[in-house]
Amino acid sequence: MMRLVLTVPFLALTMAPCFAQSDDFDPYQAVLDAMPLSAAQPLIEAAYGPVEDTTGRLDGELAAAGVKILSARDANDNLSAFLFCDDRLAAVSAIVTTRVVASVLGPLSLPSGPVLVVNPSEQGVMISAEDPDISFAYWGVGTTASSVSLSYPWKVFVNMDFPGRCEDVAAD
């Protein structure tokens, strides 16, 4: 099996043409800061457009007390989701700009940073790390619908463990 190795600057440069977002809202940093809903929602709307509270679409056990999910879709129907726990941003899976990718991946790519795993495919490339539990996906390579998403903590969205994430951040 052949493993693809890309440098962060090369990856950021190749992804640059795929964005139309006018605002560089950094949802990763907003999660790290546990940004309050009242501060985050205007920034999310400025970067992503109108948001919808999609908490009501969750099955009963996923919509535990304190769980709130705001969602937005871009022109290419890409979904961005923001998990709030007791009105604090706790997890995100969203389309981001190359500036955000570079600002997050830069420190992670240092020799002291975590091991980054690169998984290429015909449709794009996924970059992930175990600690922090983060994932970037660049899909639609060479198309006008290309985009890059960031998920942090990634496993929250893979496992749909919204109540578990809220329990984790409540303990902090």
C-alpha atoms as a PDB file:
ATOM      1  CA  MET A   1       0.000   0.000   0.000  1.00  0.00           C
ATOM      2  CA  MET A   2       1.381   3.388  -0.938  1.00  0.00           C
ATOM      3  CA  ARG A   3       1.040   6.248   1.541  1.00  0.00           C
ATOM      4  CA  LEU A   4       0.715   9.822   0.319  1.00  0.00           C
ATOM      5  CA  VAL A   5       2.762  12.453   2.136  1.00  0.00           C
ATOM      6  CA  LEU A   6       1.837  16.098   1.631  1.00  0.00           C
ATOM      7  CA  THR A   7       3.255  19.172   3.242  1.00  0.00           C
ATOM      8  CA  VAL A   8       0.818  21.562   4.886  1.00  0.00           C
ATOM      9  CA  PRO A   9       1.772  24.515   2.633  1.00  0.00           C
ATOM     10  CA  PHE A  10       1.270  22.391  -0.503  1.00  0.00           C
ATOM     11  CA  LEU A  11      -2.092  21.147   0.731  1.00  0.00           C
ATOM     12  CA  ALA A  12      -3.256  24.651   1.630  1.00  0.00           C
ATOM     13  CA  LEU A  13      -2.193  26.004  -1.773  1.00  0.00           C
ATOM     14  CA  THR A  14      -3.951  23.257  -3.698  1.00  0.00           C
ATOM     15  CA  MET A  15      -7.172  23.805  -1.763  1.00  0.00           C
ATOM     16  CA  ALA A  16      -7.178  27.613  -2.068  1.00  0.00           C
ATOM     17  CA  PRO A  17      -9.466  27.966  -5.120  1.00  0.00           C
ATOM     18  CA  CYS A  18     -12.345  26.024  -3.604  1.00  0.00           C
ATOM     19  CA  PHE A  19     -13.722  28.621  -1.190  1.00  0.00           C
ATOM     20  CA  ALA A  20     -16.317  31.344  -1.473  1.00  0.00           C
ATOM     21  CA  GLN A  21     -16.703  32.084   2.229  1.00  0.00           C
ATOM     22  CA  SER A  22     -16.042  35.709   3.023  1.00  0.00           C
ATOM     23  CA  ASP A  23     -15.389  35.273   6.734  1.00  0.00           C
ATOM     24  CA  ASP A  24     -12.612  33.263   8.346  1.00  0.00           C
ATOM     25  CA  PHE A  25     -14.544  32.170  11.421  1.00  0.00           C
ATOM     26  CA  ASP A  26     -12.415  29.490  13.112  1.00  0.00           C
ATOM     27  CA  PRO A  27     -14.843  26.951  14.590  1.00  0.00           C
ATOM     28  CA  TYR A  28     -11.978  24.847  16.003  1.00  0.00           C
ATOM     29  CA  GLN A  29     -10.759  27.743  18.147  1.00  0.00           C
ATOM     30  CA  ALA A  30     -14.343  28.577  19.078  1.00  0.00           C
ATOM     31  CA  VAL A  31     -14.773  25.014  20.416  1.00  0.00           C
ATOM     32  CA  LEU A  32     -11.491  25.255  22.329  1.00  0.00           C
ATOM     33  CA  ASP A  33     -12.767  28.522  23.828  1.00  0.00           C
ATOM     34  CA  ALA A  34     -16.192  26.979  24.612  1.00  0.00           C
ATOM     35  CA  MET A  35     -17.684  30.049  22.947  1.00  0.00           C
ATOM     36  CA  PRO A  36     -21.143  30.947  24.271  1.00  0.00           C
ATOM     37  CA  LEU A  37     -24.080  30.512  21.887  1.00  0.00           C
ATOM     38  CA  SER A  38     -24.869  34.239  22.094  1.00  0.00           C
ATOM     39  CA  ALA A  39     -21.390  35.103  20.750  1.00  0.00           C
ATOM     40  CA  ALA A  40     -21.008  32.154  18.364  1.00  0.00           C
ATOM     41  CA  GLN A  41     -24.322  32.287  16.508  1.00  0.00           C
ATOM     42  CA  PRO A  42     -23.761  35.735  14.916  1.00  0.00           C
ATOM     43  CA  LEU A  43     -20.262  34.667  13.803  1.00  0.00           C
ATOM     44  CA  ILE A  44     -21.574  31.377  12.428  1.00  0.00           C
ATOM     45  CA  GLU A  45     -24.328  33.195  10.522  1.00  0.00           C
ATOM     46  CA  ALA A  46     -21.847  35.744   9.146  1.00  0.00           C
ATOM     47  CA  ALA A  47     -19.606  32.937   7.880  1.00  0.00           C
ATOM     48  CA  TYR A  48     -22.201  30.330   6.838  1.00  0.00           C
ATOM     49  CA  GLY A  49     -25.451  32.188   6.277  1.00  0.00           C
ATOM     50  CA  PRO A  50     -28.731  31.457   8.024  1.00  0.00           C
ATOM     51  CA  VAL A  51     -28.650  28.631  10.550  1.00  0.00           C
ATOM     52  CA  GLU A  52     -31.381  26.278  11.607  1.00  0.00           C
ATOM     53  CA  ASP A  53     -31.851  24.712  15.017  1.00  0.00           C
ATOM     54  CA  THR A  54     -31.936  21.029  14.018  1.00  0.00           C
ATOM     55  CA  THR A  55     -31.940  19.618  17.552  1.00  0.00           C
ATOM     56  CA  GLY A  56     -35.583  18.562  17.127  1.00  0.00           C
ATOM     57  CA  ARG A  57     -34.585  16.153  14.331  1.00  0.00           C
ATOM     58  CA  LEU A  58     -32.484  14.050  16.704  1.00  0.00           C
ATOM     59  CA  ASP A  59     -33.742  10.796  18.163  1.00  0.00           C
ATOM     60  CA  GLY A  60     -34.751  11.119  21.817  1.00  0.00           C
ATOM     61  CA  GLU A  61     -31.550   9.733  23.351  1.00  0.00           C
ATOM     62  CA  LEU A  62     -29.349  11.981  21.168  1.00  0.00           C
ATOM     63  CA  ALA A  63     -31.220  15.132  22.178  1.00  0.00           C
ATOM     64  CA  ALA A  64     -30.394  15.005  25.887  1.00  0.00           C
ATOM     65  CA  ALA A  65     -30.841  18.013  28.140  1.00  0.00           C
ATOM     66  CA  GLY A  66     -28.470  20.818  27.217  1.00  0.00           C
ATOM     67  CA  VAL A  67     -27.824  19.529  23.662  1.00  0.00           C
ATOM     68  CA  LYS A  68     -28.440  22.002  20.837  1.00  0.00           C
ATOM     69  CA  ILE A  69     -27.359  21.663  17.204  1.00  0.00           C
ATOM     70  CA  LEU A  70     -27.287  24.541  14.756  1.00  0.00           C
ATOM     71  CA  SER A  71     -26.894  23.637  11.073  1.00  0.00           C
ATOM     72  CA  ALA A  72     -26.267  25.518   7.840  1.00  0.00           C
ATOM     73  CA  ARG A  73     -25.994  24.434   4.203  1.00  0.00           C
ATOM     74  CA  ASP A  74     -23.907  26.157   1.550  1.00  0.00           C
ATOM     75  CA  ALA A  75     -24.747  26.612  -2.153  1.00  0.00           C
ATOM     76  CA  ASN A  76     -23.369  23.117  -2.891  1.00  0.00           C
ATOM     77  CA  ASP A  77     -25.592  21.583  -0.179  1.00  0.00           C
ATOM     78  CA  ASN A  78     -22.622  20.895   2.141  1.00  0.00           C
ATOM     79  CA  LEU A  79     -23.801  20.653   5.729  1.00  0.00           C
ATOM     80  CA  SER A  80     -22.068  22.415   8.607  1.00  0.00           C
ATOM     81  CA  ALA A  81     -23.145  21.425  12.121  1.00  0.00           C
ATOM     82  CA  PHE A  82     -22.358  23.079  15.456  1.00  0.00           C
ATOM     83  CA  LEU A  83     -23.000  21.261  18.750  1.00  0.00           C
ATOM     84  CA  PHE A  84     -23.706  23.376  21.802  1.00  0.00           C
ATOM     85  CA  CYS A  85     -23.784  21.948  25.306  1.00  0.00           C
ATOM     86  CA  ASP A  86     -25.538  24.156  27.827  1.00  0.00           C
ATOM     87  CA  ASP A  87     -25.157  27.063  25.375  1.00  0.00           C
ATOM     88  CA  ARG A  88     -21.393  26.576  24.877  1.00  0.00           C
ATOM     89  CA  LEU A  89     -19.870  25.448  21.560  1.00  0.00           C
ATOM     90  CA  ALA A  90     -18.589  21.916  22.213  1.00  0.00           C
ATOM     91  CA  ALA A  91     -18.095  20.285  18.789  1.00  0.00           C
ATOM     92  CA  VAL A  92     -18.140  21.180  15.118  1.00  0.00           C
ATOM     93  CA  SER A  93     -18.267  19.564  11.705  1.00  0.00           C
ATOM     94  CA  ALA A  94     -18.159  22.388   9.186  1.00  0.00           C
ATOM     95  CA  ILE A  95     -16.854  23.682   5.888  1.00  0.00           C
ATOM     96  CA  VAL A  96     -13.849  25.953   6.526  1.00  0.00           C
ATOM     97  CA  THR A  97     -11.543  28.248   4.568  1.00  0.00           C
ATOM     98  CA  THR A  98      -7.936  27.455   3.713  1.00  0.00           C
ATOM     99  CA  ARG A  99      -6.821  30.086   6.239  1.00  0.00           C
ATOM    100  CA  VAL A 100      -8.572  28.154   8.984  1.00  0.00           C
ATOM    101  CA  VAL A 101      -7.061  24.878   7.738  1.00  0.00           C
ATOM    102  CA  ALA A 102      -3.576  26.404   7.720  1.00  0.00           C
ATOM    103  CA  SER A 103      -3.981  27.981  11.160  1.00  0.00           C
ATOM    104  CA  VAL A 104      -5.080  24.671  12.689  1.00  0.00           C
ATOM    105  CA  LEU A 105      -2.830  22.293  10.738  1.00  0.00           C
ATOM    106  CA  GLY A 106       0.273  24.467  11.099  1.00  0.00           C
ATOM    107  CA  PRO A 107       0.865  23.792  14.816  1.00  0.00           C
ATOM    108  CA  LEU A 108      -0.264  20.178  14.431  1.00  0.00           C
ATOM    109  CA  SER A 109       2.344  19.547  11.730  1.00  0.00           C
ATOM    110  CA  LEU A 110       5.309  20.546  13.910  1.00  0.00           C
ATOM    111  CA  PRO A 111       7.711  17.750  14.898  1.00  0.00           C
ATOM    112  CA  SER A 112       6.287  17.887  18.428  1.00  0.00           C
ATOM    113  CA  GLY A 113       2.740  17.615  17.098  1.00  0.00           C
ATOM    114  CA  PRO A 114       0.582  14.518  16.718  1.00  0.00           C
ATOM    115  CA  VAL A 115       0.955  11.976  13.953  1.00  0.00           C
ATOM    116  CA  LEU A 116      -1.191  13.109  11.038  1.00  0.00           C
ATOM    117  CA  VAL A 117      -2.690  10.351   8.917  1.00  0.00           C
ATOM    118  CA  VAL A 118      -3.359  11.157   5.260  1.00  0.00           C
ATOM    119  CA  ASN A 119      -5.889   9.009   3.404  1.00  0.00           C
ATOM    120  CA  PRO A 120      -6.220   9.866  -0.301  1.00  0.00           C
ATOM    121  CA  SER A 121      -9.036   8.696  -2.551  1.00  0.00           C
ATOM    122  CA  GLU A 122     -10.330   9.441  -6.049  1.00  0.00           C
ATOM    123  CA  GLN A 123     -12.731  12.022  -4.607  1.00  0.00           C
ATOM    124  CA  GLY A 124     -10.352  13.823  -2.255  1.00  0.00           C
ATOM    125  CA  VAL A 125      -8.133  13.483   0.759  1.00  0.00           C
ATOM    126  CA  MET A 126      -8.744  13.130   4.480  1.00  0.00           C
ATOM    127  CA  ILE A 127      -6.239  14.185   7.132  1.00  0.00           C
ATOM    128  CA  SER A 128      -6.813  13.122  10.708  1.00  0.00           C
ATOM    129  CA  ALA A 129      -5.111  12.953  14.081  1.00  0.00           C
ATOM    130  CA  GLU A 130      -5.858  11.022  17.252  1.00  0.00           C
ATOM    131  CA  ASP A 131      -4.971  13.798  19.681  1.00  0.00           C
ATOM    132  CA  PRO A 132      -6.519  16.212  19.214  1.00  0.00           C
ATOM    133  CA  ASP A 133      -9.378  14.166  17.768  1.00  0.00           C
ATOM    134  CA  ILE A 134      -9.578  16.215  14.579  1.00  0.00           C
ATOM    135  CA  SER A 135     -10.246  15.525  10.928  1.00  0.00           C
ATOM    136  CA  PHE A 136      -9.999  17.565   7.732  1.00  0.00           C
ATOM    137  CA  ALA A 137     -11.590  16.328   4.515  1.00  0.00           C
ATOM    138  CA  TYR A 138     -11.011  17.885   1.089  1.00  0.00           C
ATOM    139  CA  TRP A 139     -13.674  16.590  -1.299  1.00  0.00           C
ATOM    140  CA  GLY A 140     -14.580  17.348  -4.886  1.00  0.00           C
ATOM    141  CA  VAL A 141     -11.010  17.648  -6.117  1.00  0.00           C
ATOM    142  CA  GLY A 142     -10.937  19.554  -9.396  1.00  0.00           C
ATOM    143  CA  THR A 143     -14.625  20.476  -9.348  1.00  0.00           C
ATOM    144  CA  THR A 144     -16.427  23.733  -8.705  1.00  0.00           C
ATOM    145  CA  ALA A 145     -18.122  22.043  -5.741  1.00  0.00           C
ATOM    146  CA  SER A 146     -14.875  21.278  -3.905  1.00  0.00           C
ATOM    147  CA  SER A 147     -14.745  22.008  -0.198  1.00  0.00           C
ATOM    148  CA  VAL A 148     -12.775  21.363   2.967  1.00  0.00           C
ATOM    149  CA  SER A 149     -14.453  20.382   6.197  1.00  0.00           C
ATOM    150  CA  LEU A 150     -13.128  20.319   9.734  1.00  0.00           C
ATOM    151  CA  SER A 151     -14.545  18.040  12.415  1.00  0.00           C
ATOM    152  CA  TYR A 152     -13.551  18.430  16.055  1.00  0.00           C
ATOM    153  CA  PRO A 153     -13.874  16.323  18.092  1.00  0.00           C
ATOM    154  CA  TRP A 154     -14.275  14.073  15.101  1.00  0.00           C
ATOM    155  CA  LYS A 155     -15.532  10.989  16.930  1.00  0.00           C
ATOM    156  CA  VAL A 156     -18.462  12.965  18.383  1.00  0.00           C
ATOM    157  CA  PHE A 157     -19.934  13.178  14.877  1.00  0.00           C
ATOM    158  CA  VAL A 158     -18.821   9.728  13.726  1.00  0.00           C
ATOM    159  CA  ASN A 159     -20.446   8.101  16.763  1.00  0.00           C
ATOM    160  CA  MET A 160     -23.294  10.653  17.088  1.00  0.00           C
ATOM    161  CA  ASP A 161     -22.386  10.908  20.777  1.00  0.00           C
ATOM    162  CA  PHE A 162     -23.752  14.366  21.517  1.00  0.00           C
ATOM    163  CA  PRO A 163     -24.876  13.638  25.099  1.00  0.00           C
ATOM    164  CA  GLY A 164     -21.478  12.037  25.844  1.00  0.00           C
ATOM    165  CA  ARG A 165     -19.686  15.145  24.591  1.00  0.00           C
ATOM    166  CA  CYS A 166     -21.898  17.331  26.736  1.00  0.00           C
ATOM    167  CA  GLU A 167     -21.073  15.174  29.768  1.00  0.00           C
ATOM    168  CA  ASP A 168     -17.343  15.486  28.950  1.00  0.00           C
ATOM    169  CA  VAL A 169     -17.375  19.281  28.696  1.00  0.00           C
ATOM    170  CA  ALA A 170     -19.578  19.645  31.787  1.00  0.00           C
ATOM    171  CA  ALA A 171     -16.865  17.832  33.757  1.00  0.00           C
ATOM    172  CA  ASP A 172     -14.234  20.385  32.671  1.00  0.00           C
END
